[in-house]
């Protein structure tokens, strides 16, 4: 038995990928929704970059799908 199998590192890596992707999706969705509602963090300066938020949302969705697929195949 290999140490990777013993510790379950393949599943752990897939779960970590899924968690990072889901955090990106949730965080950027929250930021986009709050911006549409006209709310912003206290003390925040600068403009809201909608293109960047949508891009990171798409990347997060891709990473989330990758994590789900990795867990489904293992």
N, C-alpha and C. Protein backbone atom coordinates (compact mmCIF):
# COMPACT_ATOMS: atom_id res chain seq x y z
N UNK A 1 0.85 -1.17 0.00
CA UNK A 1 0.00 0.00 0.00
C UNK A 1 0.90 1.24 0.00
N UNK A 2 0.56 2.16 -0.85
CA UNK A 2 1.29 3.41 -1.02
C UNK A 2 0.84 4.41 0.05
N UNK A 3 1.73 5.33 0.41
CA UNK A 3 1.41 6.34 1.43
C UNK A 3 0.29 7.27 0.94
N UNK A 4 0.24 7.50 -0.38
CA UNK A 4 -0.82 8.34 -0.94
C UNK A 4 -2.19 7.70 -0.72
N UNK A 5 -2.26 6.40 -0.93
CA UNK A 5 -3.52 5.68 -0.70
C UNK A 5 -3.85 5.61 0.79
N UNK A 6 -2.83 5.41 1.59
CA UNK A 6 -3.03 5.29 3.03
C UNK A 6 -3.61 6.57 3.63
N UNK A 7 -3.08 7.70 3.21
CA UNK A 7 -3.55 8.98 3.75
C UNK A 7 -4.73 9.56 2.98
N UNK A 8 -5.05 8.99 1.82
CA UNK A 8 -6.16 9.50 1.02
C UNK A 8 -5.86 10.85 0.41
N UNK A 9 -4.62 11.06 -0.02
CA UNK A 9 -4.23 12.37 -0.53
C UNK A 9 -4.90 12.73 -1.85
N UNK A 10 -5.22 11.75 -2.66
CA UNK A 10 -5.91 12.05 -3.92
C UNK A 10 -7.29 12.66 -3.65
N UNK A 11 -8.02 12.07 -2.74
CA UNK A 11 -9.33 12.62 -2.38
C UNK A 11 -9.21 13.96 -1.68
N UNK A 12 -8.21 14.09 -0.84
CA UNK A 12 -8.00 15.36 -0.13
C UNK A 12 -7.68 16.48 -1.11
N UNK A 13 -6.86 16.21 -2.10
CA UNK A 13 -6.53 17.23 -3.10
C UNK A 13 -7.78 17.62 -3.89
N UNK A 14 -8.58 16.65 -4.27
CA UNK A 14 -9.81 16.94 -5.00
C UNK A 14 -10.77 17.77 -4.15
N UNK A 15 -10.85 17.47 -2.86
CA UNK A 15 -11.71 18.24 -1.97
C UNK A 15 -11.20 19.67 -1.80
N UNK A 16 -9.90 19.84 -1.75
CA UNK A 16 -9.33 21.18 -1.63
C UNK A 16 -9.57 22.00 -2.90
N UNK A 17 -9.45 21.35 -4.06
CA UNK A 17 -9.74 22.03 -5.32
C UNK A 17 -11.20 22.45 -5.37
N UNK A 18 -12.07 21.56 -4.95
CA UNK A 18 -13.50 21.87 -4.90
C UNK A 18 -13.78 23.03 -3.96
N UNK A 19 -13.14 23.05 -2.81
CA UNK A 19 -13.36 24.12 -1.82
C UNK A 19 -12.88 25.48 -2.35
N UNK A 20 -11.74 25.51 -3.00
CA UNK A 20 -11.23 26.78 -3.55
C UNK A 20 -12.16 27.29 -4.65
N UNK A 21 -12.58 26.40 -5.53
CA UNK A 21 -13.49 26.79 -6.61
C UNK A 21 -14.82 27.28 -6.07
N UNK A 22 -15.37 26.57 -5.11
CA UNK A 22 -16.65 26.98 -4.53
C UNK A 22 -16.53 28.33 -3.81
N UNK A 23 -15.42 28.55 -3.14
CA UNK A 23 -15.21 29.84 -2.46
C UNK A 23 -15.14 30.98 -3.48
N UNK A 24 -14.50 30.72 -4.60
CA UNK A 24 -14.43 31.75 -5.65
C UNK A 24 -15.81 32.05 -6.22
N UNK A 25 -16.60 31.01 -6.44
CA UNK A 25 -17.95 31.20 -6.98
C UNK A 25 -18.81 31.96 -5.98
N UNK A 26 -18.81 31.54 -4.75
CA UNK A 26 -19.65 32.18 -3.73
C UNK A 26 -19.22 33.63 -3.48
N UNK A 27 -17.92 33.84 -3.34
CA UNK A 27 -17.42 35.18 -3.05
C UNK A 27 -17.70 36.17 -4.17
N UNK A 28 -17.45 35.78 -5.40
CA UNK A 28 -17.67 36.69 -6.51
C UNK A 28 -19.15 36.90 -6.80
N UNK A 29 -19.95 35.87 -6.60
CA UNK A 29 -21.40 36.05 -6.75
C UNK A 29 -21.91 37.03 -5.71
N UNK A 30 -21.44 36.91 -4.48
CA UNK A 30 -21.84 37.84 -3.42
C UNK A 30 -21.43 39.27 -3.77
N UNK A 31 -20.21 39.44 -4.28
CA UNK A 31 -19.74 40.78 -4.64
C UNK A 31 -20.57 41.38 -5.77
N UNK A 32 -20.91 40.58 -6.76
CA UNK A 32 -21.71 41.07 -7.88
C UNK A 32 -23.11 41.45 -7.41
N UNK A 33 -23.71 40.62 -6.58
CA UNK A 33 -25.06 40.90 -6.07
C UNK A 33 -25.05 42.16 -5.21
N UNK A 34 -24.07 42.29 -4.33
CA UNK A 34 -23.99 43.48 -3.48
C UNK A 34 -23.78 44.74 -4.32
N UNK A 35 -23.01 44.64 -5.37
CA UNK A 35 -22.79 45.80 -6.23
C UNK A 35 -24.10 46.21 -6.92
N UNK A 36 -24.86 45.22 -7.39
CA UNK A 36 -26.14 45.54 -8.03
C UNK A 36 -27.13 46.14 -7.05
N UNK A 37 -27.01 45.81 -5.78
CA UNK A 37 -27.88 46.39 -4.76
C UNK A 37 -27.39 47.77 -4.32
N UNK A 38 -26.22 48.17 -4.77
CA UNK A 38 -25.69 49.48 -4.42
C UNK A 38 -24.94 49.51 -3.11
N UNK A 39 -24.60 48.36 -2.58
CA UNK A 39 -23.88 48.30 -1.30
C UNK A 39 -22.39 48.09 -1.57
N UNK A 40 -21.59 48.60 -0.67
CA UNK A 40 -20.14 48.38 -0.75
C UNK A 40 -19.57 48.31 0.66
N UNK A 41 -18.41 47.69 0.81
CA UNK A 41 -17.81 47.57 2.14
C UNK A 41 -17.46 48.94 2.72
N UNK A 42 -17.59 49.07 4.04
CA UNK A 42 -17.24 50.33 4.69
C UNK A 42 -15.75 50.60 4.52
N UNK A 43 -15.44 51.83 4.20
CA UNK A 43 -14.05 52.23 4.06
C UNK A 43 -13.42 51.80 2.75
N UNK A 44 -14.18 51.18 1.87
CA UNK A 44 -13.63 50.73 0.59
C UNK A 44 -13.50 51.91 -0.36
N UNK A 45 -12.38 51.97 -1.02
CA UNK A 45 -12.17 53.01 -2.02
C UNK A 45 -11.95 52.33 -3.37
N UNK A 46 -12.14 53.07 -4.41
CA UNK A 46 -11.95 52.52 -5.75
C UNK A 46 -13.27 52.08 -6.35
N UNK A 47 -13.15 51.62 -7.56
CA UNK A 47 -14.34 51.23 -8.31
C UNK A 47 -14.53 49.72 -8.28
N UNK A 48 -15.75 49.30 -8.55
CA UNK A 48 -16.04 47.88 -8.66
C UNK A 48 -15.69 47.44 -10.07
N UNK A 49 -14.90 46.41 -10.17
CA UNK A 49 -14.49 45.90 -11.48
C UNK A 49 -15.35 44.69 -11.83
N UNK A 50 -16.42 44.97 -12.54
CA UNK A 50 -17.40 43.93 -12.87
C UNK A 50 -16.80 42.86 -13.77
N UNK A 51 -16.00 43.25 -14.73
CA UNK A 51 -15.40 42.27 -15.65
C UNK A 51 -14.50 41.31 -14.88
N UNK A 52 -13.74 41.84 -13.94
CA UNK A 52 -12.86 41.00 -13.14
C UNK A 52 -13.67 40.04 -12.27
N UNK A 53 -14.77 40.52 -11.67
CA UNK A 53 -15.61 39.67 -10.83
C UNK A 53 -16.25 38.56 -11.66
N UNK A 54 -16.74 38.88 -12.85
CA UNK A 54 -17.34 37.86 -13.71
C UNK A 54 -16.30 36.86 -14.18
N UNK A 55 -15.09 37.34 -14.50
CA UNK A 55 -14.01 36.45 -14.94
C UNK A 55 -13.64 35.47 -13.81
N UNK A 56 -13.47 35.99 -12.60
CA UNK A 56 -13.12 35.12 -11.48
C UNK A 56 -14.26 34.17 -11.12
N UNK A 57 -15.50 34.59 -11.34
CA UNK A 57 -16.63 33.70 -11.14
C UNK A 57 -16.57 32.54 -12.13
N UNK A 58 -16.25 32.84 -13.39
CA UNK A 58 -16.15 31.79 -14.41
C UNK A 58 -14.99 30.84 -14.10
N UNK A 59 -13.86 31.38 -13.68
CA UNK A 59 -12.71 30.54 -13.33
C UNK A 59 -13.06 29.67 -12.12
N UNK A 60 -13.72 30.24 -11.14
CA UNK A 60 -14.14 29.48 -9.96
C UNK A 60 -15.10 28.36 -10.32
N UNK A 61 -16.00 28.63 -11.27
CA UNK A 61 -16.93 27.60 -11.71
C UNK A 61 -16.18 26.46 -12.40
N UNK A 62 -15.20 26.80 -13.20
CA UNK A 62 -14.39 25.78 -13.87
C UNK A 62 -13.62 24.93 -12.85
N UNK A 63 -13.04 25.57 -11.86
CA UNK A 63 -12.30 24.85 -10.82
C UNK A 63 -13.25 23.98 -10.00
N UNK A 64 -14.45 24.48 -9.72
CA UNK A 64 -15.44 23.70 -8.99
C UNK A 64 -15.83 22.44 -9.76
N UNK A 65 -16.07 22.61 -11.04
CA UNK A 65 -16.41 21.45 -11.88
C UNK A 65 -15.27 20.45 -11.93
N UNK A 66 -14.06 20.94 -11.97
CA UNK A 66 -12.87 20.08 -11.96
C UNK A 66 -12.83 19.27 -10.65
N UNK A 67 -13.08 19.93 -9.53
CA UNK A 67 -13.08 19.24 -8.23
C UNK A 67 -14.19 18.19 -8.14
N UNK A 68 -15.37 18.52 -8.64
CA UNK A 68 -16.48 17.58 -8.61
C UNK A 68 -16.16 16.37 -9.50
N UNK A 69 -15.61 16.63 -10.67
CA UNK A 69 -15.26 15.53 -11.58
C UNK A 69 -14.17 14.65 -10.99
N UNK A 70 -13.21 15.26 -10.30
CA UNK A 70 -12.15 14.49 -9.68
C UNK A 70 -12.68 13.61 -8.55
N UNK A 71 -13.62 14.13 -7.79
CA UNK A 71 -14.21 13.32 -6.73
C UNK A 71 -15.11 12.21 -7.28
N UNK A 72 -15.78 12.50 -8.38
CA UNK A 72 -16.69 11.52 -8.97
C UNK A 72 -15.93 10.34 -9.59
N UNK A 73 -14.73 10.60 -10.10
CA UNK A 73 -13.96 9.54 -10.75
C UNK A 73 -13.11 8.74 -9.79
N UNK A 74 -12.93 9.25 -8.58
CA UNK A 74 -12.06 8.52 -7.64
C UNK A 74 -12.82 7.52 -6.81
